Amino acid sequence: MRSDWLEAFLTFSECLNFTHAAERLHLSQPALHVKIKKLSATVGAPLYLKQGRVLVLTDTGRRIQSFARELRERSAEFMQEIRTG
């Protein structure tokens, strides 16, 4: 599982909109879709579903979102510790 896939999914999961997430990440929408598709294939489960016109996270998607958020926070804390000694 690659960290860039997790970061891409976390950003997507926060807005549940490929266009907005791609803009935040400075990626094309197709590139973002590929990252999320690869993450989904790696975990072997869908991460979101389309319900009408709305995208919703699956249970697996919510678990990945939580993991990615924790990883982002821990990485930021670690970098702060390294910088400040």
C-alpha atoms as a PDB file:
ATOM      1  CA  MET A   1       0.000   0.000   0.000  1.00  0.00           C
ATOM      2  CA  ARG A   2       1.633   3.210  -1.145  1.00  0.00           C
ATOM      3  CA  SER A   3       1.514   6.382   0.913  1.00  0.00           C
ATOM      4  CA  ASP A   4       0.528   8.505  -2.104  1.00  0.00           C
ATOM      5  CA  TRP A   5      -2.501   6.265  -2.652  1.00  0.00           C
ATOM      6  CA  LEU A   6      -3.495   6.704   0.989  1.00  0.00           C
ATOM      7  CA  GLU A   7      -3.069  10.475   0.840  1.00  0.00           C
ATOM      8  CA  ALA A   8      -5.072  10.643  -2.389  1.00  0.00           C
ATOM      9  CA  PHE A   9      -7.845   8.542  -0.885  1.00  0.00           C
ATOM     10  CA  LEU A  10      -7.883  10.563   2.327  1.00  0.00           C
ATOM     11  CA  THR A  11      -8.288  13.790   0.378  1.00  0.00           C
ATOM     12  CA  PHE A  12     -11.035  12.221  -1.748  1.00  0.00           C
ATOM     13  CA  SER A  13     -12.794  10.829   1.332  1.00  0.00           C
ATOM     14  CA  GLU A  14     -12.885  14.257   2.939  1.00  0.00           C
ATOM     15  CA  CYS A  15     -14.930  15.766   0.112  1.00  0.00           C
ATOM     16  CA  LEU A  16     -16.298  12.704  -1.740  1.00  0.00           C
ATOM     17  CA  ASN A  17     -15.812  14.497  -5.020  1.00  0.00           C
ATOM     18  CA  PHE A  18     -13.156  13.520  -7.559  1.00  0.00           C
ATOM     19  CA  THR A  19     -12.950  16.969  -9.129  1.00  0.00           C
ATOM     20  CA  HIS A  20     -12.442  18.821  -5.849  1.00  0.00           C
ATOM     21  CA  ALA A  21     -10.014  16.224  -4.488  1.00  0.00           C
ATOM     22  CA  ALA A  22      -7.965  16.271  -7.705  1.00  0.00           C
ATOM     23  CA  GLU A  23      -7.759  20.057  -7.529  1.00  0.00           C
ATOM     24  CA  ARG A  24      -6.571  19.928  -3.904  1.00  0.00           C
ATOM     25  CA  LEU A  25      -3.924  17.370  -4.822  1.00  0.00           C
ATOM     26  CA  HIS A  26      -2.893  19.149  -8.043  1.00  0.00           C
ATOM     27  CA  LEU A  27      -3.649  15.996 -10.023  1.00  0.00           C
ATOM     28  CA  SER A  28      -5.846  15.276 -12.978  1.00  0.00           C
ATOM     29  CA  GLN A  29      -9.126  13.600 -12.163  1.00  0.00           C
ATOM     30  CA  PRO A  30      -8.157  10.422 -14.093  1.00  0.00           C
ATOM     31  CA  ALA A  31      -4.837  10.217 -12.187  1.00  0.00           C
ATOM     32  CA  LEU A  32      -6.672  10.441  -8.869  1.00  0.00           C
ATOM     33  CA  HIS A  33      -9.144   7.793  -9.976  1.00  0.00           C
ATOM     34  CA  VAL A  34      -6.269   5.452 -10.867  1.00  0.00           C
ATOM     35  CA  LYS A  35      -4.644   5.876  -7.437  1.00  0.00           C
ATOM     36  CA  ILE A  36      -7.888   5.100  -5.643  1.00  0.00           C
ATOM     37  CA  LYS A  37      -8.606   2.160  -7.950  1.00  0.00           C
ATOM     38  CA  LYS A  38      -5.147   0.702  -7.234  1.00  0.00           C
ATOM     39  CA  LEU A  39      -5.647   1.130  -3.484  1.00  0.00           C
ATOM     40  CA  SER A  40      -9.025  -0.580  -3.752  1.00  0.00           C
ATOM     41  CA  ALA A  41      -7.496  -3.454  -5.721  1.00  0.00           C
ATOM     42  CA  THR A  42      -4.698  -3.813  -3.161  1.00  0.00           C
ATOM     43  CA  VAL A  43      -7.109  -4.117  -0.228  1.00  0.00           C
ATOM     44  CA  GLY A  44      -9.472  -6.257  -2.286  1.00  0.00           C
ATOM     45  CA  ALA A  45     -12.634  -4.296  -1.560  1.00  0.00           C
ATOM     46  CA  PRO A  46     -14.476  -1.252  -2.877  1.00  0.00           C
ATOM     47  CA  LEU A  47     -13.749   1.928  -0.928  1.00  0.00           C
ATOM     48  CA  TYR A  48     -16.788   3.907  -2.046  1.00  0.00           C
ATOM     49  CA  LEU A  49     -20.128   3.351  -3.726  1.00  0.00           C
ATOM     50  CA  LYS A  50     -22.290   5.558  -5.860  1.00  0.00           C
ATOM     51  CA  GLN A  51     -25.795   5.989  -4.474  1.00  0.00           C
ATOM     52  CA  GLY A  52     -27.710   7.938  -7.059  1.00  0.00           C
ATOM     53  CA  ARG A  53     -25.635  11.047  -7.621  1.00  0.00           C
ATOM     54  CA  VAL A  54     -23.846  10.810  -4.281  1.00  0.00           C
ATOM     55  CA  LEU A  55     -20.648   8.955  -3.412  1.00  0.00           C
ATOM     56  CA  VAL A  56     -20.478   7.256  -0.008  1.00  0.00           C
ATOM     57  CA  LEU A  57     -17.644   5.396   1.687  1.00  0.00           C
ATOM     58  CA  THR A  58     -17.978   1.690   2.306  1.00  0.00           C
ATOM     59  CA  ASP A  59     -17.051   0.224   5.692  1.00  0.00           C
ATOM     60  CA  THR A  60     -13.638  -0.592   4.254  1.00  0.00           C
ATOM     61  CA  GLY A  61     -13.366   2.944   2.910  1.00  0.00           C
ATOM     62  CA  ARG A  62     -14.086   4.380   6.356  1.00  0.00           C
ATOM     63  CA  ARG A  63     -11.439   2.103   7.897  1.00  0.00           C
ATOM     64  CA  ILE A  64      -8.878   3.160   5.284  1.00  0.00           C
ATOM     65  CA  GLN A  65      -9.860   6.814   5.846  1.00  0.00           C
ATOM     66  CA  SER A  66      -9.242   6.467   9.578  1.00  0.00           C
ATOM     67  CA  PHE A  67      -5.920   4.693   9.019  1.00  0.00           C
ATOM     68  CA  ALA A  68      -4.763   7.301   6.486  1.00  0.00           C
ATOM     69  CA  ARG A  69      -5.764  10.169   8.769  1.00  0.00           C
ATOM     70  CA  GLU A  70      -3.851   8.629  11.679  1.00  0.00           C
ATOM     71  CA  LEU A  71      -0.828   8.021   9.449  1.00  0.00           C
ATOM     72  CA  ARG A  72      -0.914  11.657   8.249  1.00  0.00           C
ATOM     73  CA  GLU A  73      -1.091  12.953  11.834  1.00  0.00           C
ATOM     74  CA  ARG A  74       1.661  10.654  13.102  1.00  0.00           C
ATOM     75  CA  SER A  75       3.903  11.605  10.187  1.00  0.00           C
ATOM     76  CA  ALA A  76       3.390  15.299  10.907  1.00  0.00           C
ATOM     77  CA  GLU A  77       4.162  14.769  14.600  1.00  0.00           C
ATOM     78  CA  PHE A  78       7.293  12.792  13.757  1.00  0.00           C
ATOM     79  CA  MET A  79       8.547  15.474  11.379  1.00  0.00           C
ATOM     80  CA  GLN A  80       7.918  18.141  14.014  1.00  0.00           C
ATOM     81  CA  GLU A  81       9.940  16.130  16.548  1.00  0.00           C
ATOM     82  CA  ILE A  82      12.800  15.755  14.064  1.00  0.00           C
ATOM     83  CA  ARG A  83      12.817  19.477  13.287  1.00  0.00           C
ATOM     84  CA  THR A  84      12.710  20.619  16.886  1.00  0.00           C
ATOM     85  CA  GLY A  85      14.999  17.958  18.292  1.00  0.00           C
END
